[in-house]
Amino acid sequence: MTQFNRTRSLALVGLLAGERRVTQTAGFPMDPSQMLPAPDVILLISDPDAGAMLFRYTAHWTFAGDTWHASVESAREEAVGEYDDALGVWIDVPEEVRDAHAYAVQYAAERLNNRGDW
C-alpha cells in the first residue's frame, strides 16, 4: 500500500543542554515527576490531507509526547525550536517498513551508545 506525498522521517535527539523547551505545556508549570521523559528519537509522519504529527519516544519504547502540525515544515520548525542543536539529521523511514514507530525506536536503541557518531 503506497501513499503518495506522505512523509515518514525520524531524527535522533542528543543530550539537551539547559532547560527543556516544551511548547505543549508552555504557561503550565509542571512538577518534573509529571513530565514526559526527554525523547531519544522523533518520528515525523505526514499526510497531505491530515497535516503532520511529531511522535517522541525514548529508546526503551517510553512515549515522550506528540504534537499535530499543519505541515511538515512547521513540524520540523517545532522540533528545532524544542531541541535546537540536540536534534540530529532527519532521515527517511524506508518505504518497505510497515511500522514506522517500531523502526524509529529500534533505530534509536541501536545508536544510543554511539551518540557522538550520528
PDB file of N, CA and C in Angstrom:
ATOM      1  N   MET A   1       0.850  -1.178   0.000  1.00  0.00           N
ATOM      2  CA  MET A   1       0.000   0.000   0.000  1.00  0.00           C
ATOM      3  C   MET A   1       0.891   1.236   0.000  1.00  0.00           C
ATOM      4  N   THR A   2       1.015   1.911  -1.101  1.00  0.00           N
ATOM      5  CA  THR A   2       1.821   3.106  -1.212  1.00  0.00           C
ATOM      6  C   THR A   2       0.943   4.335  -1.048  1.00  0.00           C
ATOM      7  N   GLN A   3       1.393   5.242  -0.218  1.00  0.00           N
ATOM      8  CA  GLN A   3       0.687   6.502  -0.042  1.00  0.00           C
ATOM      9  C   GLN A   3       1.551   7.598  -0.645  1.00  0.00           C
ATOM     10  N   PHE A   4       1.019   8.285  -1.635  1.00  0.00           N
ATOM     11  CA  PHE A   4       1.770   9.331  -2.294  1.00  0.00           C
ATOM     12  C   PHE A   4       1.782  10.592  -1.448  1.00  0.00           C
ATOM     13  N   ASN A   5       2.879  11.337  -1.518  1.00  0.00           N
ATOM     14  CA  ASN A   5       3.044  12.610  -0.843  1.00  0.00           C
ATOM     15  C   ASN A   5       3.024  12.516   0.678  1.00  0.00           C
ATOM     16  N   ARG A   6       3.285  11.356   1.231  1.00  0.00           N
ATOM     17  CA  ARG A   6       3.389  11.262   2.671  1.00  0.00           C
ATOM     18  C   ARG A   6       4.854  11.362   3.052  1.00  0.00           C
ATOM     19  N   THR A   7       5.091  11.776   4.261  1.00  0.00           N
ATOM     20  CA  THR A   7       6.446  11.849   4.792  1.00  0.00           C
ATOM     21  C   THR A   7       6.518  10.963   6.017  1.00  0.00           C
ATOM     22  N   ARG A   8       7.567  10.171   6.090  1.00  0.00           N
ATOM     23  CA  ARG A   8       7.881   9.398   7.289  1.00  0.00           C
ATOM     24  C   ARG A   8       9.385   9.541   7.492  1.00  0.00           C
ATOM     25  N   SER A   9       9.763  10.338   8.464  1.00  0.00           N
ATOM     26  CA  SER A   9      11.181  10.531   8.726  1.00  0.00           C
ATOM     27  C   SER A   9      11.408  10.592  10.235  1.00  0.00           C
ATOM     28  N   LEU A  10      12.651  10.385  10.609  1.00  0.00           N
ATOM     29  CA  LEU A  10      12.994  10.408  12.023  1.00  0.00           C
ATOM     30  C   LEU A  10      14.276  11.185  12.225  1.00  0.00           C
ATOM     31  N   ALA A  11      14.444  11.645  13.461  1.00  0.00           N
ATOM     32  CA  ALA A  11      15.675  12.323  13.851  1.00  0.00           C
ATOM     33  C   ALA A  11      15.997  11.922  15.283  1.00  0.00           C
ATOM     34  N   LEU A  12      17.246  11.623  15.529  1.00  0.00           N
ATOM     35  CA  LEU A  12      17.675  11.336  16.888  1.00  0.00           C
ATOM     36  C   LEU A  12      17.779  12.640  17.661  1.00  0.00           C
ATOM     37  N   VAL A  13      17.639  12.550  18.970  1.00  0.00           N
ATOM     38  CA  VAL A  13      17.771  13.712  19.840  1.00  0.00           C
ATOM     39  C   VAL A  13      18.916  13.428  20.797  1.00  0.00           C
ATOM     40  N   GLY A  14      19.897  14.284  20.774  1.00  0.00           N
ATOM     41  CA  GLY A  14      21.046  14.131  21.669  1.00  0.00           C
ATOM     42  C   GLY A  14      20.742  14.687  23.049  1.00  0.00           C
ATOM     43  N   LEU A  15      21.769  14.803  23.850  1.00  0.00           N
ATOM     44  CA  LEU A  15      21.613  15.333  25.197  1.00  0.00           C
ATOM     45  C   LEU A  15      21.212  16.800  25.120  1.00  0.00           C
ATOM     46  N   LEU A  16      20.218  17.144  25.906  1.00  0.00           N
ATOM     47  CA  LEU A  16      19.704  18.507  25.902  1.00  0.00           C
ATOM     48  C   LEU A  16      20.523  19.375  26.846  1.00  0.00           C
ATOM     49  N   ALA A  17      20.901  20.545  26.365  1.00  0.00           N
ATOM     50  CA  ALA A  17      21.639  21.500  27.186  1.00  0.00           C
ATOM     51  C   ALA A  17      20.648  22.524  27.726  1.00  0.00           C
ATOM     52  N   GLY A  18      20.727  22.804  29.003  1.00  0.00           N
ATOM     53  CA  GLY A  18      19.848  23.815  29.584  1.00  0.00           C
ATOM     54  C   GLY A  18      18.452  23.284  29.849  1.00  0.00           C
ATOM     55  N   GLU A  19      17.517  24.192  29.965  1.00  0.00           N
ATOM     56  CA  GLU A  19      16.135  23.866  30.298  1.00  0.00           C
ATOM     57  C   GLU A  19      15.384  23.319  29.093  1.00  0.00           C
ATOM     58  N   ARG A  20      14.544  22.311  29.325  1.00  0.00           N
ATOM     59  CA  ARG A  20      13.725  21.752  28.248  1.00  0.00           C
ATOM     60  C   ARG A  20      12.719  22.789  27.780  1.00  0.00           C
ATOM     61  N   ARG A  21      12.532  22.872  26.479  1.00  0.00           N
ATOM     62  CA  ARG A  21      11.520  23.751  25.888  1.00  0.00           C
ATOM     63  C   ARG A  21      10.367  22.882  25.419  1.00  0.00           C
ATOM     64  N   VAL A  22       9.314  22.870  26.188  1.00  0.00           N
ATOM     65  CA  VAL A  22       8.181  22.018  25.865  1.00  0.00           C
ATOM     66  C   VAL A  22       7.001  22.913  25.526  1.00  0.00           C
ATOM     67  N   THR A  23       6.787  23.126  24.247  1.00  0.00           N
ATOM     68  CA  THR A  23       5.766  24.044  23.779  1.00  0.00           C
ATOM     69  C   THR A  23       4.380  23.676  24.246  1.00  0.00           C
ATOM     70  N   GLN A  24       4.047  22.384  24.217  1.00  0.00           N
ATOM     71  CA  GLN A  24       2.686  21.983  24.546  1.00  0.00           C
ATOM     72  C   GLN A  24       2.315  22.221  26.003  1.00  0.00           C
ATOM     73  N   THR A  25       3.288  22.513  26.878  1.00  0.00           N
ATOM     74  CA  THR A  25       2.968  22.812  28.272  1.00  0.00           C
ATOM     75  C   THR A  25       3.358  24.240  28.650  1.00  0.00           C
ATOM     76  N   ALA A  26       3.633  25.086  27.683  1.00  0.00           N
ATOM     77  CA  ALA A  26       4.016  26.472  27.957  1.00  0.00           C
ATOM     78  C   ALA A  26       2.930  27.154  28.782  1.00  0.00           C
ATOM     79  N   GLY A  27       3.339  27.844  29.821  1.00  0.00           N
ATOM     80  CA  GLY A  27       2.394  28.559  30.666  1.00  0.00           C
ATOM     81  C   GLY A  27       1.771  27.687  31.742  1.00  0.00           C
ATOM     82  N   PHE A  28       2.087  26.415  31.747  1.00  0.00           N
ATOM     83  CA  PHE A  28       1.540  25.496  32.739  1.00  0.00           C
ATOM     84  C   PHE A  28       2.706  24.834  33.471  1.00  0.00           C
ATOM     85  N   PRO A  29       3.188  25.467  34.551  1.00  0.00           N
ATOM     86  CA  PRO A  29       4.317  24.870  35.279  1.00  0.00           C
ATOM     87  C   PRO A  29       3.965  23.460  35.729  1.00  0.00           C
ATOM     88  N   MET A  30       4.885  22.569  35.508  1.00  0.00           N
ATOM     89  CA  MET A  30       4.639  21.174  35.853  1.00  0.00           C
ATOM     90  C   MET A  30       5.698  20.674  36.812  1.00  0.00           C
ATOM     91  N   ASP A  31       5.272  19.838  37.700  1.00  0.00           N
ATOM     92  CA  ASP A  31       6.180  19.117  38.579  1.00  0.00           C
ATOM     93  C   ASP A  31       7.004  18.189  37.686  1.00  0.00           C
ATOM     94  N   PRO A  32       8.320  18.195  37.807  1.00  0.00           N
ATOM     95  CA  PRO A  32       9.147  17.332  36.948  1.00  0.00           C
ATOM     96  C   PRO A  32       8.735  15.864  36.981  1.00  0.00           C
ATOM     97  N   SER A  33       8.186  15.400  38.088  1.00  0.00           N
ATOM     98  CA  SER A  33       7.768  13.998  38.163  1.00  0.00           C
ATOM     99  C   SER A  33       6.547  13.718  37.288  1.00  0.00           C
ATOM    100  N   GLN A  34       5.849  14.764  36.830  1.00  0.00           N
ATOM    101  CA  GLN A  34       4.677  14.595  35.993  1.00  0.00           C
ATOM    102  C   GLN A  34       4.969  14.809  34.511  1.00  0.00           C
ATOM    103  N   MET A  35       6.194  15.206  34.202  1.00  0.00           N
ATOM    104  CA  MET A  35       6.556  15.458  32.813  1.00  0.00           C
ATOM    105  C   MET A  35       6.890  14.160  32.093  1.00  0.00           C
ATOM    106  N   LEU A  36       6.611  14.134  30.817  1.00  0.00           N
ATOM    107  CA  LEU A  36       7.026  13.004  29.992  1.00  0.00           C
ATOM    108  C   LEU A  36       8.553  13.025  29.884  1.00  0.00           C
ATOM    109  N   PRO A  37       9.166  11.881  29.634  1.00  0.00           N
ATOM    110  CA  PRO A  37      10.629  11.846  29.544  1.00  0.00           C
ATOM    111  C   PRO A  37      11.132  12.585  28.300  1.00  0.00           C
ATOM    112  N   ALA A  38      12.396  12.969  28.350  1.00  0.00           N
ATOM    113  CA  ALA A  38      13.034  13.556  27.178  1.00  0.00           C
ATOM    114  C   ALA A  38      13.192  12.456  26.129  1.00  0.00           C
ATOM    115  N   PRO A  39      12.916  12.762  24.868  1.00  0.00           N
ATOM    116  CA  PRO A  39      12.984  11.727  23.830  1.00  0.00           C
ATOM    117  C   PRO A  39      14.404  11.448  23.361  1.00  0.00           C
ATOM    118  N   ASP A  40      14.565  10.247  22.811  1.00  0.00           N
ATOM    119  CA  ASP A  40      15.794   9.871  22.123  1.00  0.00           C
ATOM    120  C   ASP A  40      15.607   9.981  20.615  1.00  0.00           C
ATOM    121  N   VAL A  41      14.347   9.915  20.171  1.00  0.00           N
ATOM    122  CA  VAL A  41      14.048   9.941  18.742  1.00  0.00           C
ATOM    123  C   VAL A  41      12.702  10.636  18.521  1.00  0.00           C
ATOM    124  N   ILE A  42      12.615  11.320  17.401  1.00  0.00           N
ATOM    125  CA  ILE A  42      11.358  11.944  16.976  1.00  0.00           C
ATOM    126  C   ILE A  42      10.986  11.343  15.635  1.00  0.00           C
ATOM    127  N   LEU A  43       9.730  10.957  15.521  1.00  0.00           N
ATOM    128  CA  LEU A  43       9.204  10.418  14.269  1.00  0.00           C
ATOM    129  C   LEU A  43       8.214  11.421  13.699  1.00  0.00           C
ATOM    130  N   LEU A  44       8.407  11.783  12.448  1.00  0.00           N
ATOM    131  CA  LEU A  44       7.523  12.709  11.739  1.00  0.00           C
ATOM    132  C   LEU A  44       6.747  11.917  10.695  1.00  0.00           C
ATOM    133  N   ILE A  45       5.425  11.955  10.806  1.00  0.00           N
ATOM    134  CA  ILE A  45       4.559  11.297   9.835  1.00  0.00           C
ATOM    135  C   ILE A  45       3.565  12.332   9.336  1.00  0.00           C
ATOM    136  N   SER A  46       3.474  12.459   8.025  1.00  0.00           N
ATOM    137  CA  SER A  46       2.534  13.429   7.473  1.00  0.00           C
ATOM    138  C   SER A  46       1.671  12.794   6.402  1.00  0.00           C
ATOM    139  N   ASP A  47       0.543  13.419   6.199  1.00  0.00           N
ATOM    140  CA  ASP A  47      -0.397  13.051   5.153  1.00  0.00           C
ATOM    141  C   ASP A  47      -0.907  14.378   4.602  1.00  0.00           C
ATOM    142  N   PRO A  48      -0.953  14.549   3.290  1.00  0.00           N
ATOM    143  CA  PRO A  48      -1.352  15.844   2.742  1.00  0.00           C
ATOM    144  C   PRO A  48      -2.744  16.290   3.172  1.00  0.00           C
ATOM    145  N   ASP A  49      -3.612  15.348   3.524  1.00  0.00           N
ATOM    146  CA  ASP A  49      -4.966  15.705   3.929  1.00  0.00           C
ATOM    147  C   ASP A  49      -5.124  15.904   5.437  1.00  0.00           C
ATOM    148  N   ALA A  50      -4.144  15.452   6.216  1.00  0.00           N
ATOM    149  CA  ALA A  50      -4.305  15.476   7.672  1.00  0.00           C
ATOM    150  C   ALA A  50      -3.244  16.282   8.410  1.00  0.00           C
ATOM    151  N   GLY A  51      -2.257  16.832   7.727  1.00  0.00           N
ATOM    152  CA  GLY A  51      -1.189  17.549   8.397  1.00  0.00           C
ATOM    153  C   GLY A  51      -0.066  16.611   8.788  1.00  0.00           C
ATOM    154  N   ALA A  52       0.672  17.002   9.803  1.00  0.00           N
ATOM    155  CA  ALA A  52       1.850  16.246  10.226  1.00  0.00           C
ATOM    156  C   ALA A  52       1.821  16.033  11.735  1.00  0.00           C
ATOM    157  N   MET A  53       2.330  14.891  12.147  1.00  0.00           N
ATOM    158  CA  MET A  53       2.445  14.567  13.565  1.00  0.00           C
ATOM    159  C   MET A  53       3.908  14.331  13.912  1.00  0.00           C
ATOM    160  N   LEU A  54       4.304  14.852  15.055  1.00  0.00           N
ATOM    161  CA  LEU A  54       5.603  14.537  15.636  1.00  0.00           C
ATOM    162  C   LEU A  54       5.351  13.605  16.810  1.00  0.00           C
ATOM    163  N   PHE A  55       5.944  12.432  16.766  1.00  0.00           N
ATOM    164  CA  PHE A  55       5.855  11.471  17.862  1.00  0.00           C
ATOM    165  C   PHE A  55       7.228  11.383  18.503  1.00  0.00           C
ATOM    166  N   ARG A  56       7.269  11.441  19.820  1.00  0.00           N
ATOM    167  CA  ARG A  56       8.528  11.401  20.543  1.00  0.00           C
ATOM    168  C   ARG A  56       8.576  10.126  21.384  1.00  0.00           C
ATOM    169  N   TYR A  57       9.732   9.440  21.349  1.00  0.00           N
ATOM    170  CA  TYR A  57       9.918   8.197  22.098  1.00  0.00           C
ATOM    171  C   TYR A  57      11.311   8.151  22.702  1.00  0.00           C
ATOM    172  N   THR A  58      11.430   7.381  23.778  1.00  0.00           N
ATOM    173  CA  THR A  58      12.764   7.032  24.257  1.00  0.00           C
ATOM    174  C   THR A  58      13.184   5.762  23.520  1.00  0.00           C
ATOM    175  N   ALA A  59      14.433   5.394  23.654  1.00  0.00           N
ATOM    176  CA  ALA A  59      14.931   4.175  23.014  1.00  0.00           C
ATOM    177  C   ALA A  59      14.438   2.925  23.725  1.00  0.00           C
ATOM    178  N   HIS A  60      13.657   3.115  24.795  1.00  0.00           N
ATOM    179  CA  HIS A  60      13.107   1.980  25.553  1.00  0.00           C
ATOM    180  C   HIS A  60      11.592   1.902  25.379  1.00  0.00           C
ATOM    181  N   TRP A  61      11.071   2.499  24.331  1.00  0.00           N
ATOM    182  CA  TRP A  61       9.645   2.472  23.987  1.00  0.00           C
ATOM    183  C   TRP A  61       8.769   3.281  24.937  1.00  0.00           C
ATOM    184  N   THR A  62       9.350   4.205  25.685  1.00  0.00           N
ATOM    185  CA  THR A  62       8.533   5.067  26.529  1.00  0.00           C
ATOM    186  C   THR A  62       8.056   6.237  25.690  1.00  0.00           C
ATOM    187  N   PHE A  63       6.757   6.448  25.681  1.00  0.00           N
ATOM    188  CA  PHE A  63       6.167   7.548  24.927  1.00  0.00           C
ATOM    189  C   PHE A  63       6.591   8.860  25.573  1.00  0.00           C
ATOM    190  N   ALA A  64       7.011   9.813  24.752  1.00  0.00           N
ATOM    191  CA  ALA A  64       7.502  11.099  25.255  1.00  0.00           C
ATOM    192  C   ALA A  64       6.720  12.279  24.676  1.00  0.00           C
ATOM    193  N   GLY A  65       5.519  12.027  24.153  1.00  0.00           N
ATOM    194  CA  GLY A  65       4.651  13.109  23.694  1.00  0.00           C
ATOM    195  C   GLY A  65       4.463  13.127  22.194  1.00  0.00           C
ATOM    196  N   ASP A  66       3.428  13.830  21.772  1.00  0.00           N
ATOM    197  CA  ASP A  66       3.181  14.036  20.341  1.00  0.00           C
ATOM    198  C   ASP A  66       2.506  15.384  20.144  1.00  0.00           C
ATOM    199  N   THR A  67       2.666  15.927  18.960  1.00  0.00           N
ATOM    200  CA  THR A  67       2.026  17.194  18.606  1.00  0.00           C
ATOM    201  C   THR A  67       1.615  17.152  17.143  1.00  0.00           C
ATOM    202  N   TRP A  68       0.487  17.814  16.840  1.00  0.00           N
ATOM    203  CA  TRP A  68      -0.007  17.935  15.480  1.00  0.00           C
ATOM    204  C   TRP A  68       0.484  19.257  14.899  1.00  0.00           C
ATOM    205  N   HIS A  69       0.756  19.250  13.585  1.00  0.00           N
ATOM    206  CA  HIS A  69       1.211  20.454  12.881  1.00  0.00           C
ATOM    207  C   HIS A  69       0.541  20.501  11.514  1.00  0.00           C
ATOM    208  N   ALA A  70       0.339  21.679  11.005  1.00  0.00           N
ATOM    209  CA  ALA A  70      -0.355  21.854   9.731  1.00  0.00           C
ATOM    210  C   ALA A  70       0.464  21.363   8.541  1.00  0.00           C
ATOM    211  N   SER A  71       1.788  21.320   8.688  1.00  0.00           N
ATOM    212  CA  SER A  71       2.639  20.922   7.569  1.00  0.00           C
ATOM    213  C   SER A  71       3.931  20.281   8.084  1.00  0.00           C
ATOM    214  N   VAL A  72       4.628  19.622   7.179  1.00  0.00           N
ATOM    215  CA  VAL A  72       5.931  19.049   7.502  1.00  0.00           C
ATOM    216  C   VAL A  72       6.885  20.153   7.932  1.00  0.00           C
ATOM    217  N   GLU A  73       6.850  21.262   7.227  1.00  0.00           N
ATOM    218  CA  GLU A  73       7.752  22.368   7.542  1.00  0.00           C
ATOM    219  C   GLU A  73       7.523  22.889   8.958  1.00  0.00           C
ATOM    220  N   SER A  74       6.263  23.073   9.344  1.00  0.00           N
ATOM    221  CA  SER A  74       6.002  23.589  10.691  1.00  0.00           C
ATOM    222  C   SER A  74       6.365  22.549  11.751  1.00  0.00           C
ATOM    223  N   ALA A  75       6.205  21.271  11.447  1.00  0.00           N
ATOM    224  CA  ALA A  75       6.604  20.223  12.382  1.00  0.00           C
ATOM    225  C   ALA A  75       8.120  20.242  12.590  1.00  0.00           C
ATOM    226  N   ARG A  76       8.854  20.381  11.525  1.00  0.00           N
ATOM    227  CA  ARG A  76      10.322  20.420  11.644  1.00  0.00           C
ATOM    228  C   ARG A  76      10.780  21.681  12.362  1.00  0.00           C
ATOM    229  N   GLU A  77      10.096  22.794  12.136  1.00  0.00           N
ATOM    230  CA  GLU A  77      10.421  24.032  12.861  1.00  0.00           C
ATOM    231  C   GLU A  77      10.183  23.849  14.355  1.00  0.00           C
ATOM    232  N   GLU A  78       9.097  23.173  14.702  1.00  0.00           N
ATOM    233  CA  GLU A  78       8.803  22.888  16.110  1.00  0.00           C
ATOM    234  C   GLU A  78       9.917  22.043  16.726  1.00  0.00           C
ATOM    235  N   ALA A  79      10.353  21.023  16.009  1.00  0.00           N
ATOM    236  CA  ALA A  79      11.413  20.153  16.518  1.00  0.00           C
ATOM    237  C   ALA A  79      12.700  20.948  16.756  1.00  0.00           C
ATOM    238  N   VAL A  80      13.054  21.820  15.837  1.00  0.00           N
ATOM    239  CA  VAL A  80      14.248  22.654  16.009  1.00  0.00           C
ATOM    240  C   VAL A  80      14.058  23.577  17.208  1.00  0.00           C
ATOM    241  N   GLY A  81      12.861  24.150  17.351  1.00  0.00           N
ATOM    242  CA  GLY A  81      12.588  25.027  18.478  1.00  0.00           C
ATOM    243  C   GLY A  81      12.689  24.320  19.820  1.00  0.00           C
ATOM    244  N   GLU A  82      12.287  23.076  19.869  1.00  0.00           N
ATOM    245  CA  GLU A  82      12.337  22.313  21.120  1.00  0.00           C
ATOM    246  C   GLU A  82      13.724  21.774  21.425  1.00  0.00           C
ATOM    247  N   TYR A  83      14.440  21.309  20.402  1.00  0.00           N
ATOM    248  CA  TYR A  83      15.669  20.566  20.652  1.00  0.00           C
ATOM    249  C   TYR A  83      16.935  21.235  20.137  1.00  0.00           C
ATOM    250  N   ASP A  84      16.799  22.270  19.341  1.00  0.00           N
ATOM    251  CA  ASP A  84      17.928  23.083  18.885  1.00  0.00           C
ATOM    252  C   ASP A  84      19.077  22.213  18.382  1.00  0.00           C
ATOM    253  N   ASP A  85      20.259  22.406  18.919  1.00  0.00           N
ATOM    254  CA  ASP A  85      21.445  21.685  18.445  1.00  0.00           C
ATOM    255  C   ASP A  85      21.437  20.200  18.803  1.00  0.00           C
ATOM    256  N   ALA A  86      20.553  19.787  19.706  1.00  0.00           N
ATOM    257  CA  ALA A  86      20.482  18.368  20.089  1.00  0.00           C
ATOM    258  C   ALA A  86      19.764  17.538  19.022  1.00  0.00           C
ATOM    259  N   LEU A  87      19.070  18.206  18.106  1.00  0.00           N
ATOM    260  CA  LEU A  87      18.332  17.493  17.063  1.00  0.00           C
ATOM    261  C   LEU A  87      19.285  17.006  15.982  1.00  0.00           C
ATOM    262  N   GLY A  88      19.208  15.725  15.705  1.00  0.00           N
ATOM    263  CA  GLY A  88      20.047  15.132  14.667  1.00  0.00           C
ATOM    264  C   GLY A  88      19.483  15.383  13.277  1.00  0.00           C
ATOM    265  N   VAL A  89      20.092  14.784  12.307  1.00  0.00           N
ATOM    266  CA  VAL A  89      19.696  14.905  10.903  1.00  0.00           C
ATOM    267  C   VAL A  89      18.443  14.069  10.656  1.00  0.00           C
ATOM    268  N   TRP A  90      17.515  14.612   9.890  1.00  0.00           N
ATOM    269  CA  TRP A  90      16.310  13.867   9.510  1.00  0.00           C
ATOM    270  C   TRP A  90      16.679  12.814   8.477  1.00  0.00           C
ATOM    271  N   ILE A  91      16.217  11.590   8.690  1.00  0.00           N
ATOM    272  CA  ILE A  91      16.397  10.530   7.702  1.00  0.00           C
ATOM    273  C   ILE A  91      15.032   9.934   7.385  1.00  0.00           C
ATOM    274  N   ASP A  92      14.864   9.485   6.180  1.00  0.00           N
ATOM    275  CA  ASP A  92      13.599   8.888   5.771  1.00  0.00           C
ATOM    276  C   ASP A  92      13.480   7.461   6.278  1.00  0.00           C
ATOM    277  N   VAL A  93      12.276   7.103   6.695  1.00  0.00           N
ATOM    278  CA  VAL A  93      11.971   5.722   7.040  1.00  0.00           C
ATOM    279  C   VAL A  93      11.785   4.984   5.718  1.00  0.00           C
ATOM    280  N   PRO A  94      12.463   3.874   5.515  1.00  0.00           N
ATOM    281  CA  PRO A  94      12.328   3.151   4.245  1.00  0.00           C
ATOM    282  C   PRO A  94      10.866   2.800   3.942  1.00  0.00           C
ATOM    283  N   GLU A  95      10.490   2.883   2.690  1.00  0.00           N
ATOM    284  CA  GLU A  95       9.110   2.609   2.258  1.00  0.00           C
ATOM    285  C   GLU A  95       8.629   1.227   2.645  1.00  0.00           C
ATOM    286  N   GLU A  96       9.541   0.244   2.632  1.00  0.00           N
ATOM    287  CA  GLU A  96       9.120  -1.125   2.929  1.00  0.00           C
ATOM    288  C   GLU A  96       8.816  -1.354   4.419  1.00  0.00           C
ATOM    289  N   VAL A  97       9.176  -0.420   5.272  1.00  0.00           N
ATOM    290  CA  VAL A  97       8.907  -0.543   6.706  1.00  0.00           C
ATOM    291  C   VAL A  97       7.426  -0.299   6.958  1.00  0.00           C
ATOM    292  N   ARG A  98       6.786  -1.275   7.575  1.00  0.00           N
ATOM    293  CA  ARG A  98       5.347  -1.166   7.840  1.00  0.00           C
ATOM    294  C   ARG A  98       5.061  -0.362   9.104  1.00  0.00           C
ATOM    295  N   ASP A  99       5.856  -0.564  10.152  1.00  0.00           N
ATOM    296  CA  ASP A  99       5.631   0.110  11.427  1.00  0.00           C
ATOM    297  C   ASP A  99       6.740   1.136  11.655  1.00  0.00           C
ATOM    298  N   ALA A 100       6.473   2.368  11.279  1.00  0.00           N
ATOM    299  CA  ALA A 100       7.474   3.428  11.396  1.00  0.00           C
ATOM    300  C   ALA A 100       7.819   3.719  12.852  1.00  0.00           C
ATOM    301  N   HIS A 101       6.876   3.549  13.754  1.00  0.00           N
ATOM    302  CA  HIS A 101       7.132   3.791  15.174  1.00  0.00           C
ATOM    303  C   HIS A 101       8.155   2.790  15.709  1.00  0.00           C
ATOM    304  N   ALA A 102       7.949   1.516  15.432  1.00  0.00           N
ATOM    305  CA  ALA A 102       8.889   0.479  15.876  1.00  0.00           C
ATOM    306  C   ALA A 102      10.258   0.690  15.242  1.00  0.00           C
ATOM    307  N   TYR A 103      10.266   1.062  13.983  1.00  0.00           N
ATOM    308  CA  TYR A 103      11.526   1.313  13.280  1.00  0.00           C
ATOM    309  C   TYR A 103      12.292   2.450  13.954  1.00  0.00           C
ATOM    310  N   ALA A 104      11.596   3.541  14.293  1.00  0.00           N
ATOM    311  CA  ALA A 104      12.242   4.701  14.907  1.00  0.00           C
ATOM    312  C   ALA A 104      12.835   4.351  16.267  1.00  0.00           C
ATOM    313  N   VAL A 105      12.086   3.622  17.073  1.00  0.00           N
ATOM    314  CA  VAL A 105      12.579   3.248  18.399  1.00  0.00           C
ATOM    315  C   VAL A 105      13.772   2.301  18.274  1.00  0.00           C
ATOM    316  N   GLN A 106      13.684   1.340  17.385  1.00  0.00           N
ATOM    317  CA  GLN A 106      14.804   0.406  17.178  1.00  0.00           C
ATOM    318  C   GLN A 106      16.040   1.146  16.656  1.00  0.00           C
ATOM    319  N   TYR A 107      15.833   2.067  15.746  1.00  0.00           N
ATOM    320  CA  TYR A 107      16.924   2.878  15.203  1.00  0.00           C
ATOM    321  C   TYR A 107      17.639   3.615  16.337  1.00  0.00           C
ATOM    322  N   ALA A 108      16.846   4.219  17.239  1.00  0.00           N
ATOM    323  CA  ALA A 108      17.434   4.951  18.366  1.00  0.00           C
ATOM    324  C   ALA A 108      18.163   4.002  19.317  1.00  0.00           C
ATOM    325  N   ALA A 109      17.540   2.871  19.611  1.00  0.00           N
ATOM    326  CA  ALA A 109      18.146   1.920  20.549  1.00  0.00           C
ATOM    327  C   ALA A 109      19.483   1.416  20.036  1.00  0.00           C
ATOM    328  N   GLU A 110      19.577   1.163  18.737  1.00  0.00           N
ATOM    329  CA  GLU A 110      20.828   0.668  18.158  1.00  0.00           C
ATOM    330  C   GLU A 110      21.934   1.711  18.183  1.00  0.00           C
ATOM    331  N   ARG A 111      21.578   2.973  18.234  1.00  0.00           N
ATOM    332  CA  ARG A 111      22.579   4.030  18.156  1.00  0.00           C
ATOM    333  C   ARG A 111      22.794   4.770  19.473  1.00  0.00           C
ATOM    334  N   LEU A 112      22.028   4.432  20.483  1.00  0.00           N
ATOM    335  CA  LEU A 112      22.065   5.155  21.757  1.00  0.00           C
ATOM    336  C   LEU A 112      23.450   5.196  22.376  1.00  0.00           C
ATOM    337  N   ASN A 113      24.188   4.117  22.294  1.00  0.00           N
ATOM    338  CA  ASN A 113      25.512   4.072  22.893  1.00  0.00           C
ATOM    339  C   ASN A 113      26.568   4.774  22.061  1.00  0.00           C
ATOM    340  N   ASN A 114      26.212   5.175  20.858  1.00  0.00           N
ATOM    341  CA  ASN A 114      27.171   5.834  19.964  1.00  0.00           C
ATOM    342  C   ASN A 114      26.684   7.221  19.570  1.00  0.00           C
ATOM    343  N   ARG A 115      26.130   7.959  20.511  1.00  0.00           N
ATOM    344  CA  ARG A 115      25.520   9.262  20.197  1.00  0.00           C
ATOM    345  C   ARG A 115      26.480  10.194  19.454  1.00  0.00           C
ATOM    346  N   GLY A 116      27.753  10.131  19.736  1.00  0.00           N
ATOM    347  CA  GLY A 116      28.684  11.012  19.074  1.00  0.00           C
ATOM    348  C   GLY A 116      28.893  10.678  17.604  1.00  0.00           C
ATOM    349  N   ASP A 117      28.447   9.499  17.182  1.00  0.00           N
ATOM    350  CA  ASP A 117      28.683   9.061  15.805  1.00  0.00           C
ATOM    351  C   ASP A 117      27.621   9.506  14.814  1.00  0.00           C
ATOM    352  N   TRP A 118      26.504  10.052  15.256  1.00  0.00           N
ATOM    353  CA  TRP A 118      25.452  10.416  14.315  1.00  0.00           C
ATOM    354  C   TRP A 118      25.443  11.872  14.111  1.00  0.00           C
TER     355      TRP A 118
END
